[in-house]
Structure formats: C-alpha cells, structure tokens
Amino acid sequence: MAKSKKKKETTFLVCQETGEYNYTMLRKTGGEKLQLNKYCPKLRKVTLHIEKKK
C-alpha cells in the first residue's frame, strides 16, 4: 500500500508584541502551533513569534 501524503501549507510566524507577519514557512497540517523566539526587525530584538494561518 502507498503511504498517504499530507499536504504542506504556508504558515506565517507573527510577532507577539507588534502583530506583524515576519516569517513564512511550509508545514504539514496537524500538530501543535509553533512558538519560536525569532528576531523582530521593527523592535530590533528577539521576541516570541506564534504560528498563524491566513
């Protein structure tokens, strides 16, 4: 039997403090939302970014 392939979706990482969409990434569907510390160019420091789908 062939394995079922999960499609990848474009997701965005949104800055928690400013609300700006700073990063995009391709992820498989399902699972928990990502929460990563990434650089925010507007604030010029590392802040928490949360995954959102548009």
N, C-alpha and C. Protein backbone atom coordinates (compact mmCIF):
# COMPACT_ATOMS: atom_id res chain seq x y z
N MET A 1 0.83 -1.18 0.00
CA MET A 1 0.00 0.00 0.00
C MET A 1 0.87 1.25 0.00
N ALA A 2 0.38 2.24 -0.66
CA ALA A 2 1.10 3.51 -0.71
C ALA A 2 0.79 4.34 0.53
N LYS A 3 1.77 5.09 0.96
CA LYS A 3 1.56 5.96 2.12
C LYS A 3 0.76 7.18 1.69
N SER A 4 -0.10 7.64 2.58
CA SER A 4 -0.83 8.87 2.26
C SER A 4 0.07 10.06 2.56
N LYS A 5 0.13 10.97 1.61
CA LYS A 5 0.99 12.14 1.77
C LYS A 5 0.16 13.29 2.33
N LYS A 6 0.66 13.91 3.37
CA LYS A 6 0.00 15.09 3.90
C LYS A 6 0.48 16.29 3.12
N LYS A 7 -0.44 17.17 2.77
CA LYS A 7 -0.08 18.36 2.02
C LYS A 7 0.57 19.38 2.94
N LYS A 8 1.45 20.17 2.37
CA LYS A 8 2.09 21.23 3.12
C LYS A 8 1.32 22.53 2.91
N GLU A 9 1.19 23.29 3.97
CA GLU A 9 0.51 24.57 3.91
C GLU A 9 1.49 25.68 4.24
N THR A 10 1.24 26.85 3.68
CA THR A 10 2.05 28.02 4.02
C THR A 10 1.53 28.58 5.34
N THR A 11 2.39 28.70 6.31
CA THR A 11 2.03 29.29 7.60
C THR A 11 2.92 30.49 7.85
N PHE A 12 2.45 31.38 8.67
CA PHE A 12 3.17 32.62 8.96
C PHE A 12 3.51 32.67 10.44
N LEU A 13 4.66 33.24 10.75
CA LEU A 13 5.04 33.47 12.14
C LEU A 13 4.80 34.95 12.43
N VAL A 14 3.93 35.20 13.42
CA VAL A 14 3.51 36.56 13.76
C VAL A 14 4.14 36.96 15.09
N CYS A 15 4.69 38.17 15.12
CA CYS A 15 5.29 38.69 16.34
C CYS A 15 4.22 38.91 17.39
N GLN A 16 4.47 38.44 18.59
CA GLN A 16 3.51 38.57 19.70
C GLN A 16 3.32 40.03 20.11
N GLU A 17 4.36 40.83 20.06
CA GLU A 17 4.30 42.20 20.56
C GLU A 17 3.76 43.19 19.52
N THR A 18 4.21 43.07 18.26
CA THR A 18 3.79 44.04 17.24
C THR A 18 2.64 43.54 16.38
N GLY A 19 2.47 42.24 16.25
CA GLY A 19 1.41 41.68 15.42
C GLY A 19 1.76 41.63 13.94
N GLU A 20 3.02 41.82 13.58
CA GLU A 20 3.45 41.81 12.19
C GLU A 20 3.82 40.40 11.74
N TYR A 21 3.55 40.11 10.47
CA TYR A 21 3.93 38.86 9.85
C TYR A 21 5.37 38.98 9.38
N ASN A 22 6.31 38.34 10.06
CA ASN A 22 7.72 38.48 9.76
C ASN A 22 8.30 37.29 9.01
N TYR A 23 7.79 36.09 9.20
CA TYR A 23 8.38 34.89 8.61
C TYR A 23 7.29 34.03 7.98
N THR A 24 7.63 33.32 6.91
CA THR A 24 6.74 32.34 6.30
C THR A 24 7.46 31.00 6.27
N MET A 25 6.68 29.93 6.32
CA MET A 25 7.26 28.60 6.26
C MET A 25 6.23 27.61 5.75
N LEU A 26 6.71 26.50 5.19
CA LEU A 26 5.84 25.42 4.75
C LEU A 26 5.84 24.35 5.82
N ARG A 27 4.62 23.99 6.27
CA ARG A 27 4.49 22.95 7.30
C ARG A 27 3.41 21.97 6.92
N LYS A 28 3.55 20.74 7.38
CA LYS A 28 2.49 19.76 7.20
C LYS A 28 1.34 20.11 8.13
N THR A 29 0.14 19.74 7.74
CA THR A 29 -1.03 20.04 8.54
C THR A 29 -1.04 19.20 9.82
N GLY A 30 -1.74 19.68 10.82
CA GLY A 30 -1.83 18.95 12.08
C GLY A 30 -0.74 19.36 13.05
N GLY A 31 -0.83 18.84 14.25
CA GLY A 31 0.18 19.15 15.25
C GLY A 31 -0.14 20.42 16.00
N GLU A 32 0.73 20.77 16.92
CA GLU A 32 0.54 21.97 17.73
C GLU A 32 1.08 23.19 17.02
N LYS A 33 0.62 24.36 17.47
CA LYS A 33 1.12 25.61 16.91
C LYS A 33 2.56 25.84 17.37
N LEU A 34 3.37 26.37 16.46
CA LEU A 34 4.75 26.68 16.80
C LEU A 34 4.82 27.96 17.61
N GLN A 35 5.73 27.99 18.54
CA GLN A 35 6.06 29.20 19.29
C GLN A 35 7.57 29.27 19.35
N LEU A 36 8.13 30.21 18.60
CA LEU A 36 9.58 30.32 18.49
C LEU A 36 10.04 31.72 18.85
N ASN A 37 11.24 31.81 19.39
CA ASN A 37 11.87 33.11 19.60
C ASN A 37 12.62 33.47 18.34
N LYS A 38 12.17 34.53 17.67
CA LYS A 38 12.77 34.98 16.41
C LYS A 38 13.03 36.48 16.50
N TYR A 39 13.84 36.96 15.56
CA TYR A 39 14.19 38.37 15.51
C TYR A 39 13.06 39.18 14.89
N CYS A 40 12.67 40.27 15.54
CA CYS A 40 11.67 41.20 15.02
C CYS A 40 12.39 42.45 14.52
N PRO A 41 12.37 42.73 13.20
CA PRO A 41 13.11 43.87 12.68
C PRO A 41 12.56 45.22 13.14
N LYS A 42 11.26 45.30 13.42
CA LYS A 42 10.69 46.58 13.86
C LYS A 42 11.19 46.97 15.25
N LEU A 43 11.22 46.00 16.16
CA LEU A 43 11.69 46.26 17.52
C LEU A 43 13.20 46.11 17.67
N ARG A 44 13.82 45.48 16.69
CA ARG A 44 15.26 45.20 16.68
C ARG A 44 15.70 44.38 17.89
N LYS A 45 14.90 43.37 18.21
CA LYS A 45 15.27 42.43 19.28
C LYS A 45 14.54 41.11 19.05
N VAL A 46 14.90 40.10 19.81
CA VAL A 46 14.29 38.78 19.71
C VAL A 46 13.01 38.76 20.53
N THR A 47 11.91 38.34 19.90
CA THR A 47 10.62 38.26 20.58
C THR A 47 9.96 36.92 20.26
N LEU A 48 8.89 36.62 20.95
CA LEU A 48 8.14 35.40 20.72
C LEU A 48 7.29 35.53 19.47
N HIS A 49 7.37 34.56 18.57
CA HIS A 49 6.56 34.52 17.36
C HIS A 49 5.68 33.28 17.41
N ILE A 50 4.40 33.43 17.00
CA ILE A 50 3.43 32.36 17.05
C ILE A 50 2.94 32.07 15.64
N GLU A 51 2.69 30.80 15.35
CA GLU A 51 2.23 30.37 14.03
C GLU A 51 0.78 30.78 13.81
N LYS A 52 0.50 31.32 12.61
CA LYS A 52 -0.86 31.64 12.19
C LYS A 52 -1.05 31.25 10.76
N LYS A 53 -2.28 30.86 10.42
CA LYS A 53 -2.63 30.57 9.03
C LYS A 53 -3.49 31.72 8.53
N LYS A 54 -3.27 32.12 7.30
CA LYS A 54 -4.04 33.24 6.76
C LYS A 54 -5.34 32.81 6.18
